[in-house]
N, C-alpha and C. Protein backbone atom coordinates (compact mmCIF):
# COMPACT_ATOMS: atom_id res chain seq x y z
N MET A 1 5.18 2.41 5.98
CA MET A 1 6.28 2.70 5.09
C MET A 1 6.92 1.40 4.58
N ARG A 2 7.15 0.48 5.49
CA ARG A 2 7.77 -0.78 5.12
C ARG A 2 6.89 -1.56 4.16
N ARG A 3 5.60 -1.54 4.42
CA ARG A 3 4.66 -2.26 3.57
C ARG A 3 4.65 -1.65 2.16
N GLN A 4 4.77 -0.35 2.09
CA GLN A 4 4.77 0.35 0.82
C GLN A 4 6.02 -0.04 0.01
N LEU A 5 7.16 -0.15 0.65
CA LEU A 5 8.38 -0.56 -0.03
C LEU A 5 8.27 -1.99 -0.54
N GLY A 6 7.62 -2.85 0.23
CA GLY A 6 7.43 -4.23 -0.20
C GLY A 6 6.58 -4.32 -1.45
N ARG A 7 5.55 -3.55 -1.49
CA ARG A 7 4.68 -3.55 -2.67
C ARG A 7 5.42 -2.98 -3.88
N SER A 8 6.18 -1.92 -3.66
CA SER A 8 6.95 -1.32 -4.75
C SER A 8 7.97 -2.31 -5.28
N GLY A 9 8.61 -3.04 -4.39
CA GLY A 9 9.58 -4.04 -4.80
C GLY A 9 8.92 -5.15 -5.60
N LEU A 10 7.76 -5.57 -5.18
CA LEU A 10 7.03 -6.61 -5.91
C LEU A 10 6.66 -6.14 -7.31
N VAL A 11 6.21 -4.90 -7.40
CA VAL A 11 5.86 -4.35 -8.71
C VAL A 11 7.09 -4.29 -9.61
N LEU A 12 8.22 -3.89 -9.06
CA LEU A 12 9.45 -3.82 -9.86
C LEU A 12 9.88 -5.20 -10.34
N VAL A 13 9.78 -6.20 -9.49
CA VAL A 13 10.13 -7.57 -9.88
C VAL A 13 9.21 -8.07 -10.98
N LEU A 14 7.93 -7.82 -10.84
CA LEU A 14 6.98 -8.25 -11.87
C LEU A 14 7.22 -7.54 -13.19
N LEU A 15 7.54 -6.25 -13.15
CA LEU A 15 7.83 -5.52 -14.37
C LEU A 15 9.12 -6.02 -15.02
N ALA A 16 10.10 -6.37 -14.20
CA ALA A 16 11.35 -6.89 -14.74
C ALA A 16 11.15 -8.28 -15.36
N ALA A 17 10.26 -9.07 -14.80
CA ALA A 17 10.02 -10.43 -15.30
C ALA A 17 9.11 -10.45 -16.52
N LEU A 18 8.38 -9.39 -16.75
CA LEU A 18 7.43 -9.36 -17.86
C LEU A 18 8.06 -9.66 -19.21
N PRO A 19 9.19 -9.05 -19.59
CA PRO A 19 9.77 -9.37 -20.89
C PRO A 19 10.20 -10.84 -21.00
N LEU A 20 10.69 -11.39 -19.91
CA LEU A 20 11.09 -12.80 -19.93
C LEU A 20 9.88 -13.70 -20.15
N LEU A 21 8.80 -13.40 -19.46
CA LEU A 21 7.61 -14.22 -19.59
C LEU A 21 6.93 -14.02 -20.94
N ALA A 22 7.00 -12.81 -21.47
CA ALA A 22 6.38 -12.54 -22.77
C ALA A 22 7.15 -13.24 -23.89
N ALA A 23 8.44 -13.50 -23.69
CA ALA A 23 9.25 -14.15 -24.72
C ALA A 23 8.97 -15.65 -24.79
N CYS A 24 8.35 -16.20 -23.79
CA CYS A 24 8.08 -17.64 -23.75
C CYS A 24 6.77 -17.94 -24.47
N HIS A 25 6.83 -18.86 -25.41
CA HIS A 25 5.62 -19.22 -26.13
C HIS A 25 5.10 -20.59 -25.70
N THR A 26 5.91 -21.30 -24.92
CA THR A 26 5.49 -22.62 -24.45
C THR A 26 5.86 -22.76 -22.98
N VAL A 27 5.30 -23.75 -22.34
CA VAL A 27 5.63 -24.03 -20.95
C VAL A 27 7.09 -24.45 -20.84
N GLN A 28 7.57 -25.20 -21.82
CA GLN A 28 8.97 -25.63 -21.81
C GLN A 28 9.89 -24.40 -21.91
N GLY A 29 9.54 -23.46 -22.75
CA GLY A 29 10.34 -22.23 -22.88
C GLY A 29 10.35 -21.44 -21.58
N ALA A 30 9.21 -21.39 -20.91
CA ALA A 30 9.14 -20.69 -19.63
C ALA A 30 10.03 -21.38 -18.60
N GLY A 31 10.01 -22.70 -18.59
CA GLY A 31 10.86 -23.44 -17.66
C GLY A 31 12.33 -23.18 -17.92
N GLN A 32 12.72 -23.11 -19.18
CA GLN A 32 14.12 -22.83 -19.53
C GLN A 32 14.50 -21.42 -19.09
N ASP A 33 13.62 -20.46 -19.30
CA ASP A 33 13.90 -19.08 -18.89
C ASP A 33 14.06 -18.99 -17.38
N ILE A 34 13.20 -19.66 -16.65
CA ILE A 34 13.27 -19.63 -15.19
C ILE A 34 14.55 -20.31 -14.71
N THR A 35 14.93 -21.41 -15.34
CA THR A 35 16.16 -22.10 -14.99
C THR A 35 17.38 -21.22 -15.24
N ASN A 36 17.41 -20.57 -16.39
CA ASN A 36 18.53 -19.69 -16.71
C ASN A 36 18.62 -18.52 -15.74
N THR A 37 17.48 -17.96 -15.39
CA THR A 37 17.47 -16.86 -14.43
C THR A 37 17.98 -17.32 -13.07
N GLY A 38 17.53 -18.49 -12.63
CA GLY A 38 18.00 -19.03 -11.35
C GLY A 38 19.49 -19.30 -11.35
N GLN A 39 20.02 -19.80 -12.45
CA GLN A 39 21.45 -20.06 -12.54
C GLN A 39 22.24 -18.75 -12.51
N ALA A 40 21.74 -17.72 -13.16
CA ALA A 40 22.42 -16.42 -13.14
C ALA A 40 22.42 -15.83 -11.73
N ILE A 41 21.32 -15.96 -11.01
CA ILE A 41 21.25 -15.46 -9.64
C ILE A 41 22.20 -16.24 -8.75
N GLU A 42 22.23 -17.56 -8.91
CA GLU A 42 23.11 -18.39 -8.10
C GLU A 42 24.57 -18.05 -8.37
N SER A 43 24.91 -17.85 -9.62
CA SER A 43 26.29 -17.50 -9.98
C SER A 43 26.69 -16.17 -9.36
N GLY A 44 25.79 -15.19 -9.44
CA GLY A 44 26.08 -13.89 -8.84
C GLY A 44 26.23 -13.98 -7.34
N ALA A 45 25.43 -14.80 -6.70
CA ALA A 45 25.52 -14.96 -5.25
C ALA A 45 26.84 -15.62 -4.86
N GLN A 46 27.28 -16.60 -5.64
CA GLN A 46 28.55 -17.26 -5.34
C GLN A 46 29.73 -16.30 -5.51
N LYS A 47 29.66 -15.45 -6.50
CA LYS A 47 30.74 -14.47 -6.73
C LYS A 47 30.79 -13.44 -5.61
N ALA A 48 29.62 -13.12 -5.07
CA ALA A 48 29.54 -12.07 -4.03
C ALA A 48 29.90 -12.60 -2.65
N THR A 49 29.94 -13.92 -2.46
CA THR A 49 30.27 -14.47 -1.15
C THR A 49 31.78 -14.50 -0.96
N PRO A 50 32.23 -14.02 0.16
CA PRO A 50 33.70 -14.01 0.40
C PRO A 50 34.27 -15.38 0.65
């Protein structure tokens, strides 16, 4: 059961990342998208920490 949830989670992450990766036409664009995503995650984590 746990393994099945892990695979489902991975599939969901890949599906969510697909539009971001499809929007990148260059390696530099991909790097910028990944940086922006990381900054958004970091910001959300800082807001959620008490």
